[in-house]
Amino acid sequence: MKLRHTILAAFALIAVLATGCASSNTSREIAVSATANGFEPAVIDVKQGDTVVLVLTRTEEATCATEAHFEETGRKVDLALNEPQRVEIPTASKGTIHYACAMNMWKGEVRVN
């Protein structure tokens, strides 16, 4: 009987550990400001498989970053002054997602490692 309880406890522990391992991905929101100096921060490193959302906010009137063009996804986001825009970043595979203002002067990148 004692052996049976030990085996059941071992299976329960394995189930708990397996569940914890399966949900190791995290969810992150990363604030990015479009300023007179460009996108800040300009380089962001994230983990492959994590859920990542950039929250882009234009904080300066005097900037050409009134929109952001995401090269790899083809998405374009208008950046109205002080109005945050949420952009989910695909992280299924490793690589770099580039984005820039419409004039391609201010650039940013998300590196998926």
N, C-alpha and C. Protein backbone atom coordinates (compact mmCIF):
# COMPACT_ATOMS: atom_id res chain seq x y z
N MET A 1 0.82 -1.19 0.00
CA MET A 1 0.00 0.00 0.00
C MET A 1 0.87 1.27 0.00
N LYS A 2 1.97 1.21 0.78
CA LYS A 2 2.87 2.35 0.85
C LYS A 2 3.52 2.60 -0.50
N LEU A 3 3.89 1.51 -1.21
CA LEU A 3 4.49 1.63 -2.53
C LEU A 3 3.51 2.28 -3.51
N ARG A 4 2.24 1.93 -3.42
CA ARG A 4 1.21 2.50 -4.31
C ARG A 4 1.11 4.01 -4.10
N HIS A 5 1.12 4.46 -2.85
CA HIS A 5 1.04 5.90 -2.56
C HIS A 5 2.29 6.62 -3.07
N THR A 6 3.44 5.99 -2.96
CA THR A 6 4.68 6.58 -3.45
C THR A 6 4.64 6.72 -4.97
N ILE A 7 4.14 5.69 -5.65
CA ILE A 7 4.03 5.75 -7.12
C ILE A 7 3.04 6.83 -7.55
N LEU A 8 1.89 6.90 -6.88
CA LEU A 8 0.90 7.93 -7.21
C LEU A 8 1.48 9.33 -6.96
N ALA A 9 2.21 9.50 -5.88
CA ALA A 9 2.83 10.81 -5.59
C ALA A 9 3.86 11.15 -6.66
N ALA A 10 4.62 10.16 -7.12
CA ALA A 10 5.61 10.40 -8.17
C ALA A 10 4.93 10.84 -9.46
N PHE A 11 3.84 10.17 -9.84
CA PHE A 11 3.11 10.56 -11.05
C PHE A 11 2.52 11.96 -10.92
N ALA A 12 2.02 12.30 -9.75
CA ALA A 12 1.48 13.64 -9.53
C ALA A 12 2.57 14.69 -9.68
N LEU A 13 3.76 14.41 -9.14
CA LEU A 13 4.87 15.34 -9.26
C LEU A 13 5.30 15.50 -10.71
N ILE A 14 5.36 14.41 -11.44
CA ILE A 14 5.72 14.47 -12.86
C ILE A 14 4.70 15.30 -13.63
N ALA A 15 3.42 15.13 -13.34
CA ALA A 15 2.37 15.91 -14.02
C ALA A 15 2.52 17.39 -13.74
N VAL A 16 2.82 17.75 -12.49
CA VAL A 16 3.00 19.16 -12.13
C VAL A 16 4.21 19.74 -12.85
N LEU A 17 5.32 19.01 -12.85
CA LEU A 17 6.52 19.49 -13.52
C LEU A 17 6.32 19.62 -15.02
N ALA A 18 5.64 18.67 -15.62
CA ALA A 18 5.40 18.71 -17.07
C ALA A 18 4.53 19.90 -17.42
N THR A 19 3.55 20.22 -16.62
CA THR A 19 2.69 21.37 -16.87
C THR A 19 3.50 22.66 -16.78
N GLY A 20 4.36 22.74 -15.80
CA GLY A 20 5.21 23.93 -15.65
C GLY A 20 6.14 24.12 -16.82
N CYS A 21 6.68 23.04 -17.35
CA CYS A 21 7.58 23.11 -18.50
C CYS A 21 6.84 23.52 -19.76
N ALA A 22 5.62 23.06 -19.91
CA ALA A 22 4.85 23.36 -21.12
C ALA A 22 4.49 24.84 -21.19
N SER A 23 4.39 25.51 -20.06
CA SER A 23 3.98 26.91 -20.07
C SER A 23 5.15 27.84 -19.74
N SER A 24 6.34 27.52 -20.27
CA SER A 24 7.52 28.33 -19.97
C SER A 24 7.57 29.63 -20.78
N ASN A 25 6.75 29.77 -21.81
CA ASN A 25 6.73 31.01 -22.59
C ASN A 25 6.16 32.13 -21.75
N THR A 26 6.67 33.32 -21.97
CA THR A 26 6.20 34.47 -21.21
C THR A 26 5.52 35.45 -22.15
N SER A 27 4.80 36.37 -21.56
CA SER A 27 4.13 37.42 -22.31
C SER A 27 4.75 38.75 -21.88
N ARG A 28 5.16 39.55 -22.87
CA ARG A 28 5.81 40.82 -22.57
C ARG A 28 5.21 41.94 -23.40
N GLU A 29 5.02 43.08 -22.77
CA GLU A 29 4.71 44.31 -23.48
C GLU A 29 5.94 45.20 -23.34
N ILE A 30 6.40 45.73 -24.46
CA ILE A 30 7.61 46.54 -24.46
C ILE A 30 7.27 47.92 -25.00
N ALA A 31 7.50 48.93 -24.19
CA ALA A 31 7.22 50.31 -24.58
C ALA A 31 8.33 50.83 -25.49
N VAL A 32 7.93 51.40 -26.63
CA VAL A 32 8.86 52.02 -27.57
C VAL A 32 8.34 53.43 -27.85
N SER A 33 9.20 54.41 -27.66
CA SER A 33 8.81 55.81 -27.92
C SER A 33 9.38 56.26 -29.25
N ALA A 34 8.58 56.96 -30.02
CA ALA A 34 9.04 57.62 -31.25
C ALA A 34 9.30 59.07 -30.88
N THR A 35 10.58 59.43 -30.80
CA THR A 35 10.99 60.74 -30.32
C THR A 35 11.69 61.51 -31.44
N ALA A 36 12.19 62.68 -31.10
CA ALA A 36 12.98 63.46 -32.07
C ALA A 36 14.29 62.76 -32.40
N ASN A 37 14.68 61.79 -31.59
CA ASN A 37 15.91 61.02 -31.82
C ASN A 37 15.65 59.66 -32.46
N GLY A 38 14.42 59.37 -32.79
CA GLY A 38 14.09 58.08 -33.39
C GLY A 38 13.33 57.19 -32.44
N PHE A 39 13.39 55.89 -32.71
CA PHE A 39 12.71 54.91 -31.86
C PHE A 39 13.61 54.58 -30.67
N GLU A 40 13.02 54.65 -29.48
CA GLU A 40 13.78 54.38 -28.26
C GLU A 40 13.01 53.39 -27.40
N PRO A 41 13.59 52.22 -27.10
CA PRO A 41 14.88 51.73 -27.55
C PRO A 41 14.83 51.32 -29.01
N ALA A 42 15.97 51.36 -29.66
CA ALA A 42 16.04 51.04 -31.09
C ALA A 42 16.26 49.54 -31.32
N VAL A 43 16.84 48.86 -30.34
CA VAL A 43 17.10 47.42 -30.46
C VAL A 43 16.50 46.72 -29.26
N ILE A 44 15.71 45.68 -29.54
CA ILE A 44 15.05 44.93 -28.49
C ILE A 44 15.34 43.45 -28.71
N ASP A 45 15.78 42.78 -27.67
CA ASP A 45 16.02 41.34 -27.73
C ASP A 45 14.90 40.61 -27.00
N VAL A 46 14.34 39.58 -27.67
CA VAL A 46 13.27 38.78 -27.07
C VAL A 46 13.58 37.31 -27.27
N LYS A 47 12.88 36.49 -26.54
CA LYS A 47 13.09 35.05 -26.60
C LYS A 47 12.11 34.42 -27.59
N GLN A 48 12.62 33.49 -28.38
CA GLN A 48 11.79 32.78 -29.34
C GLN A 48 10.63 32.10 -28.61
N GLY A 49 9.43 32.23 -29.16
CA GLY A 49 8.26 31.59 -28.59
C GLY A 49 7.50 32.42 -27.59
N ASP A 50 8.11 33.49 -27.07
CA ASP A 50 7.40 34.36 -26.13
C ASP A 50 6.35 35.19 -26.88
N THR A 51 5.33 35.60 -26.18
CA THR A 51 4.35 36.52 -26.74
C THR A 51 4.88 37.93 -26.48
N VAL A 52 5.11 38.67 -27.57
CA VAL A 52 5.71 40.00 -27.45
C VAL A 52 4.83 41.01 -28.16
N VAL A 53 4.50 42.08 -27.45
CA VAL A 53 3.71 43.17 -28.01
C VAL A 53 4.49 44.47 -27.81
N LEU A 54 4.79 45.15 -28.92
CA LEU A 54 5.39 46.48 -28.82
C LEU A 54 4.26 47.47 -28.60
N VAL A 55 4.47 48.39 -27.68
CA VAL A 55 3.52 49.48 -27.47
C VAL A 55 4.24 50.74 -27.95
N LEU A 56 3.94 51.12 -29.19
CA LEU A 56 4.61 52.26 -29.84
C LEU A 56 3.83 53.54 -29.55
N THR A 57 4.56 54.55 -29.06
CA THR A 57 3.93 55.83 -28.76
C THR A 57 4.81 56.96 -29.29
N ARG A 58 4.24 57.79 -30.15
CA ARG A 58 4.98 58.98 -30.61
C ARG A 58 4.83 60.04 -29.52
N THR A 59 5.96 60.48 -28.99
CA THR A 59 5.95 61.42 -27.87
C THR A 59 6.38 62.83 -28.27
N GLU A 60 6.79 63.01 -29.51
CA GLU A 60 7.26 64.31 -30.00
C GLU A 60 6.51 64.71 -31.25
N GLU A 61 6.20 65.96 -31.34
CA GLU A 61 5.59 66.49 -32.57
C GLU A 61 6.63 66.55 -33.69
N ALA A 62 7.86 66.94 -33.32
CA ALA A 62 8.93 67.16 -34.30
C ALA A 62 9.69 65.86 -34.56
N THR A 63 9.07 64.94 -35.24
CA THR A 63 9.74 63.70 -35.65
C THR A 63 9.09 63.21 -36.93
N CYS A 64 9.89 62.55 -37.76
CA CYS A 64 9.29 61.99 -38.97
C CYS A 64 8.67 60.63 -38.69
N ALA A 65 8.80 60.13 -37.46
CA ALA A 65 8.26 58.83 -37.11
C ALA A 65 6.77 58.94 -36.77
N THR A 66 5.99 59.34 -37.76
CA THR A 66 4.54 59.42 -37.59
C THR A 66 3.86 58.12 -37.96
N GLU A 67 4.67 57.17 -38.43
CA GLU A 67 4.18 55.82 -38.69
C GLU A 67 5.37 54.87 -38.61
N ALA A 68 5.06 53.59 -38.44
CA ALA A 68 6.10 52.56 -38.39
C ALA A 68 5.76 51.50 -39.42
N HIS A 69 6.74 51.17 -40.26
CA HIS A 69 6.59 50.13 -41.28
C HIS A 69 7.42 48.93 -40.84
N PHE A 70 6.78 47.78 -40.74
CA PHE A 70 7.45 46.55 -40.34
C PHE A 70 7.80 45.77 -41.59
N GLU A 71 9.10 45.70 -41.88
CA GLU A 71 9.59 45.14 -43.15
C GLU A 71 9.18 43.69 -43.36
N GLU A 72 9.42 42.83 -42.38
CA GLU A 72 9.18 41.40 -42.56
C GLU A 72 7.71 41.03 -42.59
N THR A 73 6.86 41.79 -41.90
CA THR A 73 5.44 41.44 -41.85
C THR A 73 4.60 42.26 -42.83
N GLY A 74 5.17 43.37 -43.34
CA GLY A 74 4.41 44.22 -44.24
C GLY A 74 3.39 45.11 -43.54
N ARG A 75 3.39 45.10 -42.23
CA ARG A 75 2.42 45.90 -41.47
C ARG A 75 2.86 47.35 -41.36
N LYS A 76 1.87 48.25 -41.43
CA LYS A 76 2.12 49.69 -41.25
C LYS A 76 1.22 50.17 -40.12
N VAL A 77 1.79 50.96 -39.21
CA VAL A 77 1.03 51.46 -38.07
C VAL A 77 1.17 52.97 -38.02
N ASP A 78 0.05 53.69 -38.01
CA ASP A 78 0.07 55.14 -37.85
C ASP A 78 0.33 55.47 -36.38
N LEU A 79 1.18 56.46 -36.15
CA LEU A 79 1.53 56.86 -34.80
C LEU A 79 1.07 58.28 -34.53
N ALA A 80 -0.15 58.41 -34.07
CA ALA A 80 -0.67 59.72 -33.68
C ALA A 80 0.02 60.14 -32.38
N LEU A 81 0.18 61.42 -32.19
CA LEU A 81 0.88 61.95 -31.01
C LEU A 81 0.22 61.46 -29.73
N ASN A 82 1.02 60.87 -28.85
CA ASN A 82 0.61 60.40 -27.52
C ASN A 82 -0.52 59.37 -27.52
N GLU A 83 -0.67 58.63 -28.62
CA GLU A 83 -1.68 57.56 -28.69
C GLU A 83 -0.97 56.23 -28.91
N PRO A 84 -0.84 55.42 -27.85
CA PRO A 84 -0.13 54.14 -27.97
C PRO A 84 -0.77 53.21 -29.00
N GLN A 85 0.07 52.55 -29.77
CA GLN A 85 -0.37 51.56 -30.75
C GLN A 85 0.29 50.23 -30.39
N ARG A 86 -0.50 49.19 -30.29
CA ARG A 86 -0.01 47.86 -29.91
C ARG A 86 0.25 47.03 -31.17
N VAL A 87 1.43 46.44 -31.24
CA VAL A 87 1.82 45.62 -32.39
C VAL A 87 2.38 44.30 -31.86
N GLU A 88 1.70 43.19 -32.17
CA GLU A 88 2.22 41.89 -31.77
C GLU A 88 3.34 41.49 -32.71
N ILE A 89 4.41 41.00 -32.13
CA ILE A 89 5.60 40.62 -32.89
C ILE A 89 5.64 39.09 -33.01
N PRO A 90 5.77 38.58 -34.23
CA PRO A 90 5.86 37.12 -34.39
C PRO A 90 7.22 36.61 -33.87
N THR A 91 7.17 35.60 -33.00
CA THR A 91 8.40 35.08 -32.42
C THR A 91 8.54 33.57 -32.59
N ALA A 92 7.81 33.00 -33.53
CA ALA A 92 7.86 31.55 -33.72
C ALA A 92 9.23 31.08 -34.20
N SER A 93 9.91 31.92 -34.96
CA SER A 93 11.24 31.53 -35.44
C SER A 93 12.24 32.64 -35.13
N LYS A 94 13.50 32.24 -35.02
CA LYS A 94 14.56 33.19 -34.73
C LYS A 94 14.81 34.09 -35.92
N GLY A 95 15.25 35.30 -35.64
CA GLY A 95 15.55 36.25 -36.70
C GLY A 95 15.34 37.67 -36.21
N THR A 96 15.35 38.60 -37.13
CA THR A 96 15.20 40.01 -36.79
C THR A 96 14.01 40.60 -37.53
N ILE A 97 13.18 41.33 -36.80
CA ILE A 97 12.05 42.05 -37.36
C ILE A 97 12.48 43.52 -37.40
N HIS A 98 12.54 44.09 -38.59
CA HIS A 98 12.95 45.49 -38.76
C HIS A 98 11.72 46.38 -38.91
N TYR A 99 11.81 47.57 -38.35
CA TYR A 99 10.77 48.57 -38.58
C TYR A 99 11.42 49.94 -38.70
N ALA A 100 10.73 50.85 -39.38
CA ALA A 100 11.28 52.17 -39.64
C ALA A 100 10.15 53.16 -39.88
N CYS A 101 10.51 54.45 -39.83
CA CYS A 101 9.55 55.49 -40.19
C CYS A 101 9.34 55.44 -41.70
N ALA A 102 8.38 56.19 -42.19
CA ALA A 102 8.05 56.17 -43.62
C ALA A 102 9.22 56.61 -44.49
N MET A 103 10.07 57.49 -43.99
CA MET A 103 11.22 57.97 -44.77
C MET A 103 12.45 57.09 -44.58
N ASN A 104 12.32 56.04 -43.76
CA ASN A 104 13.40 55.09 -43.47
C ASN A 104 14.61 55.76 -42.80
N MET A 105 14.35 56.87 -42.09
CA MET A 105 15.41 57.56 -41.39
C MET A 105 15.60 56.97 -39.99
N TRP A 106 14.49 56.78 -39.27
CA TRP A 106 14.53 56.23 -37.91
C TRP A 106 14.19 54.76 -38.01
N LYS A 107 15.06 53.94 -37.41
CA LYS A 107 14.89 52.50 -37.54
C LYS A 107 14.92 51.84 -36.18
N GLY A 108 14.28 50.68 -36.12
CA GLY A 108 14.31 49.85 -34.91
C GLY A 108 14.31 48.40 -35.34
N GLU A 109 14.63 47.55 -34.38
CA GLU A 109 14.60 46.12 -34.69
C GLU A 109 14.32 45.32 -33.42
N VAL A 110 13.62 44.21 -33.65
CA VAL A 110 13.36 43.25 -32.60
C VAL A 110 14.11 41.98 -33.00
N ARG A 111 15.05 41.57 -32.14
CA ARG A 111 15.85 40.37 -32.42
C ARG A 111 15.27 39.22 -31.61
N VAL A 112 14.82 38.20 -32.34
CA VAL A 112 14.24 37.02 -31.71
C VAL A 112 15.34 35.97 -31.59
N ASN A 113 15.71 35.64 -30.36
CA ASN A 113 16.81 34.69 -30.12
C ASN A 113 16.28 33.40 -29.53
